């Protein structure tokens, strides 16, 4: 998919490209095609400080124009606000463009407004009710990719996937996915119904999936959807915790605190040297590294500003050699990364 994009062209053409060759990848073994780089929409509604719906809609439409075909949401983001925002975006598209867009959303996290703490609900009755509510907010008849956002270990995964399979059979969901599950859970799930994708945090500074989950996805033909591929913006450089809004949850994330942040900044500085030598941004290198890790991997960086969106989309043009991938692997050896990726409340429903 080749997208015309006007702009400034630095040496080697890595930042703003006149023609963006947006890669297309399929979700698992399905025929559902998406862009290799999608758009994580969470920050347009919650967690990362104030946002503006009109600005967000501008970014969403620009993303579609750039060839982005996967838009990631969840019913818990802004307590339904994010899905409603995507519903407005979809209604503003021509029918032919709307048919090419895959909206992914999720169920399972139940929170009170204004609170970060959560409980997990995977009961079949809740799944059915959550799906109906998401369909109404999105203003669609079928959800492209429907995830179990977090796992309740008290509910067998066979029951969860069975309820999701019923939604597929009813025509309300095209493909199903899981989020933050183990390889063992994924194997049990696919025995019940095909799973198109597993979403998990994956980036240069968060690589736990490489041990078991990523090889399992490759074996089973399941796509891995990498969320927070830019380390919640820390890997994108010029990140200052003190500049965050008071309600930005990263203020309480262990990886962003004092000594941990200082240690992690040294890794980002090394990434900056690597990127500068290639005429690219930190973010473009981080995204290109991910896309080289697995042919069915899809990255969903968030973006609330047009320059960031455009630069991220252009990352599909950056080719890395095997030696460069290995260099980045060593640069971000997991032993060098400081701090846990979530505060205590954030671990609910994550299988480790």
Protein backbone atom coordinates (compact mmCIF):
# COMPACT_ATOMS: atom_id res chain seq x y z
CA UNK A 1 0.00 0.00 0.00
CA UNK A 2 1.74 3.19 -1.18
CA UNK A 3 0.60 6.49 0.32
CA UNK A 4 1.66 9.91 -0.94
CA UNK A 5 2.96 12.12 1.87
CA UNK A 6 4.41 15.57 1.34
CA UNK A 7 7.03 16.91 3.76
CA UNK A 8 10.68 17.49 4.52
CA UNK A 9 13.02 14.72 3.42
CA UNK A 10 16.21 14.32 5.46
CA UNK A 11 19.16 12.22 4.29
CA UNK A 12 18.24 8.59 3.63
CA UNK A 13 14.55 9.55 3.62
CA UNK A 14 13.64 8.08 6.99
CA UNK A 15 11.57 10.81 8.61
CA UNK A 16 8.96 12.24 6.25
CA UNK A 17 8.76 10.23 3.07
CA UNK A 18 7.17 11.45 -0.12
CA UNK A 19 5.77 7.97 -0.64
CA UNK A 20 5.05 5.78 2.37
CA UNK A 21 4.97 2.10 1.52
CA UNK A 22 2.70 0.97 4.34
CA UNK A 23 3.14 -2.75 4.85
CA UNK A 24 0.04 -4.94 5.01
CA UNK A 25 -0.12 -7.95 7.30
CA UNK A 26 -2.88 -10.46 7.99
CA UNK A 27 -4.37 -11.15 11.40
CA UNK A 28 -3.39 -14.71 12.16
CA UNK A 29 -4.66 -17.23 9.63
CA UNK A 30 -7.61 -15.01 8.73
CA UNK A 31 -8.10 -12.99 5.56
CA UNK A 32 -8.43 -9.80 7.60
CA UNK A 33 -5.68 -7.45 6.37
CA UNK A 34 -4.34 -4.61 8.50
CA UNK A 35 -1.44 -2.18 8.36
CA UNK A 36 1.80 -3.29 10.00
CA UNK A 37 1.63 -0.13 12.10
CA UNK A 38 -1.76 0.59 13.61
CA UNK A 39 -2.87 3.29 16.02
CA UNK A 40 -3.36 2.83 19.75
CA UNK A 41 -6.18 5.17 20.73
CA UNK A 42 -6.19 4.91 24.54
CA UNK A 43 -4.42 8.23 25.13
CA UNK A 44 -7.17 10.08 23.28
CA UNK A 45 -9.49 9.36 26.20
CA UNK A 46 -7.56 8.68 29.41
CA UNK A 47 -4.34 7.97 31.32
CA UNK A 48 -2.01 10.38 29.44
CA UNK A 49 -3.44 13.71 30.53
CA UNK A 50 -5.98 16.01 28.83
CA UNK A 51 -7.07 15.40 25.25
CA UNK A 52 -9.27 17.18 22.73
CA UNK A 53 -11.85 15.22 20.74
CA UNK A 54 -11.62 17.43 17.66
CA UNK A 55 -7.83 17.14 17.58
CA UNK A 56 -8.15 13.39 18.08
CA UNK A 57 -10.57 13.10 15.17
CA UNK A 58 -8.12 15.01 12.97
CA UNK A 59 -5.38 12.52 13.92
CA UNK A 60 -7.68 9.56 13.28
CA UNK A 61 -8.57 10.79 9.79
CA UNK A 62 -4.94 11.54 8.98
CA UNK A 63 -3.99 8.05 10.11
CA UNK A 64 -6.53 6.55 7.74
CA UNK A 65 -5.19 8.73 4.92
CA UNK A 66 -1.65 7.49 5.66
CA UNK A 67 -2.71 3.87 5.25
CA UNK A 68 -3.29 2.95 8.90
CA UNK A 69 -5.97 0.26 8.91
CA UNK A 70 -6.00 -0.95 12.53
CA UNK A 71 -7.37 1.22 15.33
CA UNK A 72 -7.11 -0.15 18.86
CA UNK A 73 -9.55 0.65 21.65
CA UNK A 74 -11.19 -0.91 24.74
CA UNK A 75 -14.42 -0.39 26.60
CA UNK A 76 -12.46 0.68 29.69
CA UNK A 77 -10.63 3.56 27.96
CA UNK A 78 -12.43 6.62 29.22
CA UNK A 79 -15.28 4.34 30.34
CA UNK A 80 -16.65 4.03 26.82
CA UNK A 81 -15.49 7.43 25.57
CA UNK A 82 -12.78 5.98 23.34
CA UNK A 83 -15.15 3.64 21.54
CA UNK A 84 -17.66 6.46 21.08
CA UNK A 85 -14.90 8.64 19.64
CA UNK A 86 -14.00 5.90 17.16
CA UNK A 87 -17.68 5.62 16.31
CA UNK A 88 -17.69 9.29 15.33
CA UNK A 89 -14.56 8.76 13.25
CA UNK A 90 -16.08 5.79 11.42
CA UNK A 91 -19.25 7.70 10.66
CA UNK A 92 -17.16 10.41 9.03
CA UNK A 93 -15.55 8.02 6.55
CA UNK A 94 -16.85 7.20 3.11
CA UNK A 95 -18.33 3.71 2.94
CA UNK A 96 -15.44 2.38 0.85
CA UNK A 97 -12.87 3.69 3.36
CA UNK A 98 -14.84 2.43 6.34
CA UNK A 99 -14.83 -1.09 4.94
CA UNK A 100 -11.01 -1.13 4.97
CA UNK A 101 -10.72 -0.12 8.63
CA UNK A 102 -10.37 -2.78 11.32
CA UNK A 103 -11.42 -1.64 14.78
CA UNK A 104 -10.10 -3.73 17.64
CA UNK A 105 -11.65 -3.39 21.06
CA UNK A 106 -11.61 -5.31 24.33
CA UNK A 107 -13.62 -6.42 27.35
CA UNK A 108 -12.72 -7.63 30.80
CA UNK A 109 -11.45 -4.66 32.84
CA UNK A 110 -14.08 -3.11 35.10
CA UNK A 111 -13.19 0.19 36.79
CA UNK A 112 -14.90 3.01 38.60
CA UNK A 113 -14.66 6.46 36.94
CA UNK A 114 -11.57 8.32 38.07
CA UNK A 115 -9.91 5.22 39.55
CA UNK A 116 -6.96 3.24 38.19
CA UNK A 117 -7.71 0.11 40.24
CA UNK A 118 -9.78 -2.54 38.54
CA UNK A 119 -11.47 -5.91 38.77
CA UNK A 120 -11.56 -8.50 35.99
CA UNK A 121 -14.78 -9.99 34.64
CA UNK A 122 -14.62 -12.87 32.14
CA UNK A 123 -18.06 -14.35 32.78
CA UNK A 124 -19.94 -15.35 29.59
CA UNK A 125 -22.88 -13.12 30.50
CA UNK A 126 -20.59 -10.13 30.92
CA UNK A 127 -18.84 -10.87 27.62
CA UNK A 128 -22.14 -10.82 25.74
CA UNK A 129 -23.31 -7.62 27.44
CA UNK A 130 -19.95 -5.90 26.92
CA UNK A 131 -19.99 -6.77 23.23
CA UNK A 132 -23.47 -5.27 22.76
CA UNK A 133 -22.41 -2.07 24.52
CA UNK A 134 -19.26 -1.78 22.39
CA UNK A 135 -21.22 -2.31 19.17
CA UNK A 136 -23.55 0.53 20.12
CA UNK A 137 -20.74 2.95 21.02
CA UNK A 138 -18.76 2.10 17.88
CA UNK A 139 -21.93 2.31 15.73
CA UNK A 140 -21.03 -0.85 13.87
CA UNK A 141 -22.75 -4.17 13.30
CA UNK A 142 -19.58 -6.22 13.71
CA UNK A 143 -16.32 -5.72 15.60
CA UNK A 144 -13.25 -6.53 13.52
CA UNK A 145 -11.12 -7.92 16.37
CA UNK A 146 -12.51 -8.53 19.85
CA UNK A 147 -10.06 -9.21 22.67
CA UNK A 148 -10.31 -10.56 26.17
CA UNK A 149 -8.42 -7.63 27.70
CA UNK A 150 -7.34 -9.39 30.90
CA UNK A 151 -7.77 -12.91 32.27
CA UNK A 152 -9.70 -13.97 35.33
CA UNK A 153 -8.01 -17.25 36.33
CA UNK A 154 -11.23 -18.35 38.05
CA UNK A 155 -12.95 -18.64 34.65
CA UNK A 156 -11.55 -21.40 32.39
CA UNK A 157 -10.17 -19.99 29.16
CA UNK A 158 -12.27 -22.59 27.35
CA UNK A 159 -15.42 -20.88 28.68
CA UNK A 160 -14.13 -17.44 27.74
CA UNK A 161 -13.24 -18.44 24.19
CA UNK A 162 -16.47 -20.41 23.88
CA UNK A 163 -18.49 -17.28 24.65
CA UNK A 164 -16.41 -15.27 22.19
CA UNK A 165 -16.90 -17.95 19.52
CA UNK A 166 -20.66 -17.56 19.93
CA UNK A 167 -20.27 -13.85 19.10
CA UNK A 168 -18.42 -14.84 15.91
CA UNK A 169 -21.15 -17.28 14.99
CA UNK A 170 -23.76 -14.57 15.61
CA UNK A 171 -21.94 -12.24 13.18
CA UNK A 172 -21.13 -9.68 15.88
CA UNK A 173 -17.36 -10.28 15.85
CA UNK A 174 -15.09 -11.10 12.89
CA UNK A 175 -12.00 -12.36 14.75
CA UNK A 176 -11.13 -12.95 18.40
CA UNK A 177 -7.99 -12.18 20.35
CA UNK A 178 -6.46 -12.44 23.81
CA UNK A 179 -4.31 -9.96 25.72
CA UNK A 180 -1.43 -10.52 28.15
CA UNK A 181 -1.83 -14.29 28.30
CA UNK A 182 0.78 -17.01 28.60
CA UNK A 183 1.76 -19.42 25.83
CA UNK A 184 0.04 -22.21 27.77
CA UNK A 185 -3.25 -20.29 27.84
CA UNK A 186 -2.96 -19.53 24.13
CA UNK A 187 -2.55 -23.22 23.34
CA UNK A 188 -5.68 -24.07 25.31
CA UNK A 189 -7.60 -21.25 23.63
CA UNK A 190 -6.82 -22.24 20.03
CA UNK A 191 -8.06 -25.74 20.77
CA UNK A 192 -11.53 -24.21 21.20
CA UNK A 193 -11.59 -21.61 18.40
CA UNK A 194 -9.03 -19.91 16.11
CA UNK A 195 -7.35 -16.95 17.78
CA UNK A 196 -6.26 -14.26 15.33
CA UNK A 197 -4.06 -12.21 17.63
CA UNK A 198 -2.51 -11.90 21.06
CA UNK A 199 -1.84 -8.41 22.33
CA UNK A 200 1.02 -7.89 24.73
CA UNK A 201 3.41 -5.15 25.72
CA UNK A 202 6.49 -5.51 23.54
CA UNK A 203 9.23 -3.01 22.84
CA UNK A 204 12.96 -2.56 23.05
CA UNK A 205 12.67 -2.18 26.83
CA UNK A 206 9.98 -4.84 27.39
CA UNK A 207 10.89 -8.19 25.86
CA UNK A 208 9.38 -10.92 28.05
CA UNK A 209 7.29 -12.22 25.12
CA UNK A 210 10.44 -13.35 23.32
CA UNK A 211 10.96 -16.27 25.71
CA UNK A 212 7.76 -18.25 25.06
CA UNK A 213 4.82 -16.25 23.73
CA UNK A 214 6.37 -14.95 20.50
CA UNK A 215 7.64 -18.41 19.42
CA UNK A 216 4.25 -19.88 20.32
CA UNK A 217 2.46 -17.28 18.17
CA UNK A 218 4.79 -18.08 15.27
CA UNK A 219 4.15 -21.81 15.66
CA UNK A 220 0.36 -21.44 15.84
CA UNK A 221 0.04 -18.77 13.14
CA UNK A 222 -1.22 -16.12 15.57
CA UNK A 223 -0.37 -12.45 15.13
CA UNK A 224 1.30 -10.63 17.99
CA UNK A 225 0.00 -7.10 18.46
CA UNK A 226 2.59 -5.03 20.33
CA UNK A 227 1.14 -2.32 22.53
CA UNK A 228 3.27 0.44 24.08
CA UNK A 229 5.92 -0.24 21.40
CA UNK A 230 7.59 3.07 22.27
CA UNK A 231 7.72 2.42 26.00
CA UNK A 232 4.81 4.77 26.69
CA UNK A 233 6.78 7.50 24.86
CA UNK A 234 9.95 7.13 26.95
CA UNK A 235 11.82 5.58 24.01
CA UNK A 236 10.80 8.48 21.77
CA UNK A 237 13.26 10.82 23.55
CA UNK A 238 12.85 14.19 25.30
CA UNK A 239 10.70 12.58 27.98
CA UNK A 240 10.41 14.44 31.27
CA UNK A 241 8.24 13.00 34.06
CA UNK A 242 7.90 16.43 35.66
CA UNK A 243 6.21 17.71 32.51
CA UNK A 244 3.39 15.16 32.70
CA UNK A 245 -0.14 16.15 33.68
CA UNK A 246 -1.08 15.45 37.30
CA UNK A 247 -3.47 12.67 36.24
CA UNK A 248 -0.99 10.98 33.88
CA UNK A 249 -0.56 7.43 35.18
CA UNK A 250 3.09 7.35 34.15
CA UNK A 251 3.84 9.52 37.20
CA UNK A 252 3.23 6.38 39.26
CA UNK A 253 4.86 3.86 36.92
CA UNK A 254 8.01 2.36 38.53
CA UNK A 255 9.96 2.50 35.28
CA UNK A 256 9.58 6.29 35.19
CA UNK A 257 10.69 6.98 38.74
CA UNK A 258 13.90 8.74 39.82
CA UNK A 259 16.85 6.31 39.64
CA UNK A 260 15.04 3.93 37.28
CA UNK A 261 14.29 6.76 34.87
CA UNK A 262 17.90 7.92 34.96
CA UNK A 263 19.20 4.43 34.19
CA UNK A 264 16.68 3.99 31.39
CA UNK A 265 17.56 7.37 29.93
CA UNK A 266 21.07 6.10 29.28
CA UNK A 267 19.57 3.39 27.07
CA UNK A 268 17.51 5.99 25.21
CA UNK A 269 20.63 8.10 24.69
CA UNK A 270 22.35 5.09 23.09
CA UNK A 271 19.28 4.57 20.88
CA UNK A 272 19.56 8.22 19.87
CA UNK A 273 23.11 7.69 18.64
CA UNK A 274 22.00 4.68 16.60
CA UNK A 275 19.08 6.64 15.10
CA UNK A 276 21.13 9.76 14.33
CA UNK A 277 23.66 7.73 12.37
CA UNK A 278 20.80 6.61 10.11
CA UNK A 279 19.03 9.96 9.82
CA UNK A 280 15.95 8.65 11.63
CA UNK A 281 14.09 9.28 14.86
CA UNK A 282 14.28 7.19 18.02
CA UNK A 283 10.69 6.08 17.50
CA UNK A 284 11.23 4.96 13.91
CA UNK A 285 14.13 2.72 14.91
CA UNK A 286 12.16 1.24 17.81
CA UNK A 287 9.20 0.45 15.54
CA UNK A 288 11.35 -0.90 12.70
CA UNK A 289 13.12 -3.19 15.18
CA UNK A 290 9.75 -4.65 16.20
CA UNK A 291 8.58 -5.22 12.64
CA UNK A 292 11.75 -7.21 11.96
CA UNK A 293 11.05 -9.54 14.90
CA UNK A 294 8.06 -11.46 13.54
CA UNK A 295 6.41 -11.40 10.09
CA UNK A 296 2.95 -11.37 11.69
CA UNK A 297 3.70 -8.68 14.25
CA UNK A 298 1.62 -5.49 14.26
CA UNK A 299 2.70 -2.48 16.31
CA UNK A 300 0.10 -0.04 17.67
CA UNK A 301 1.90 3.09 18.89
CA UNK A 302 -0.29 5.84 20.25
CA UNK A 303 -0.14 9.31 18.73
CA UNK A 304 -2.06 12.45 19.60
CA UNK A 305 -0.07 14.82 17.39
CA UNK A 306 0.18 14.74 13.61
CA UNK A 307 4.01 14.92 13.37
CA UNK A 308 4.33 11.87 15.64
CA UNK A 309 1.70 9.99 13.66
CA UNK A 310 3.39 10.70 10.33
CA UNK A 311 6.84 9.76 11.58
CA UNK A 312 5.55 6.50 13.06
CA UNK A 313 3.82 5.55 9.80
CA UNK A 314 7.06 6.10 7.90
CA UNK A 315 8.88 3.57 10.11
CA UNK A 316 7.72 0.79 7.79
CA UNK A 317 10.21 2.16 5.23
CA UNK A 318 13.22 1.65 7.50
CA UNK A 319 15.09 -1.57 6.73
CA UNK A 320 17.40 -2.96 9.41
CA UNK A 321 20.06 -5.58 8.79
CA UNK A 322 20.37 -8.66 10.96
CA UNK A 323 23.49 -7.11 12.47
CA UNK A 324 21.62 -3.91 13.33
CA UNK A 325 18.79 -5.86 14.96
CA UNK A 326 21.38 -7.77 17.00
CA UNK A 327 23.05 -4.48 17.98
CA UNK A 328 19.74 -3.14 19.27
CA UNK A 329 19.05 -6.41 21.08
CA UNK A 330 22.33 -6.05 22.97
CA UNK A 331 21.81 -2.33 23.58
CA UNK A 332 18.50 -3.07 25.31
CA UNK A 333 19.46 -6.26 27.11
CA UNK A 334 16.56 -6.76 29.58
CA UNK A 335 19.04 -6.84 32.46
CA UNK A 336 19.86 -3.19 31.71
CA UNK A 337 16.26 -1.96 32.02
CA UNK A 338 15.25 -0.61 35.43
CA UNK A 339 11.85 -0.71 37.12
CA UNK A 340 8.68 -2.77 36.77
CA UNK A 341 6.42 -1.99 33.83
CA UNK A 342 3.29 -1.51 35.98
CA UNK A 343 2.42 -0.29 39.47
CA UNK A 344 0.85 -2.97 41.67
CA UNK A 345 -2.75 -2.30 40.57
CA UNK A 346 -1.83 -2.64 36.91
CA UNK A 347 -0.89 -6.33 37.18
CA UNK A 348 -4.48 -7.51 37.62
CA UNK A 349 -5.32 -10.11 34.97
CA UNK A 350 -1.81 -10.29 33.49
CA UNK A 351 -0.40 -13.81 33.22
CA UNK A 352 3.29 -14.01 34.09
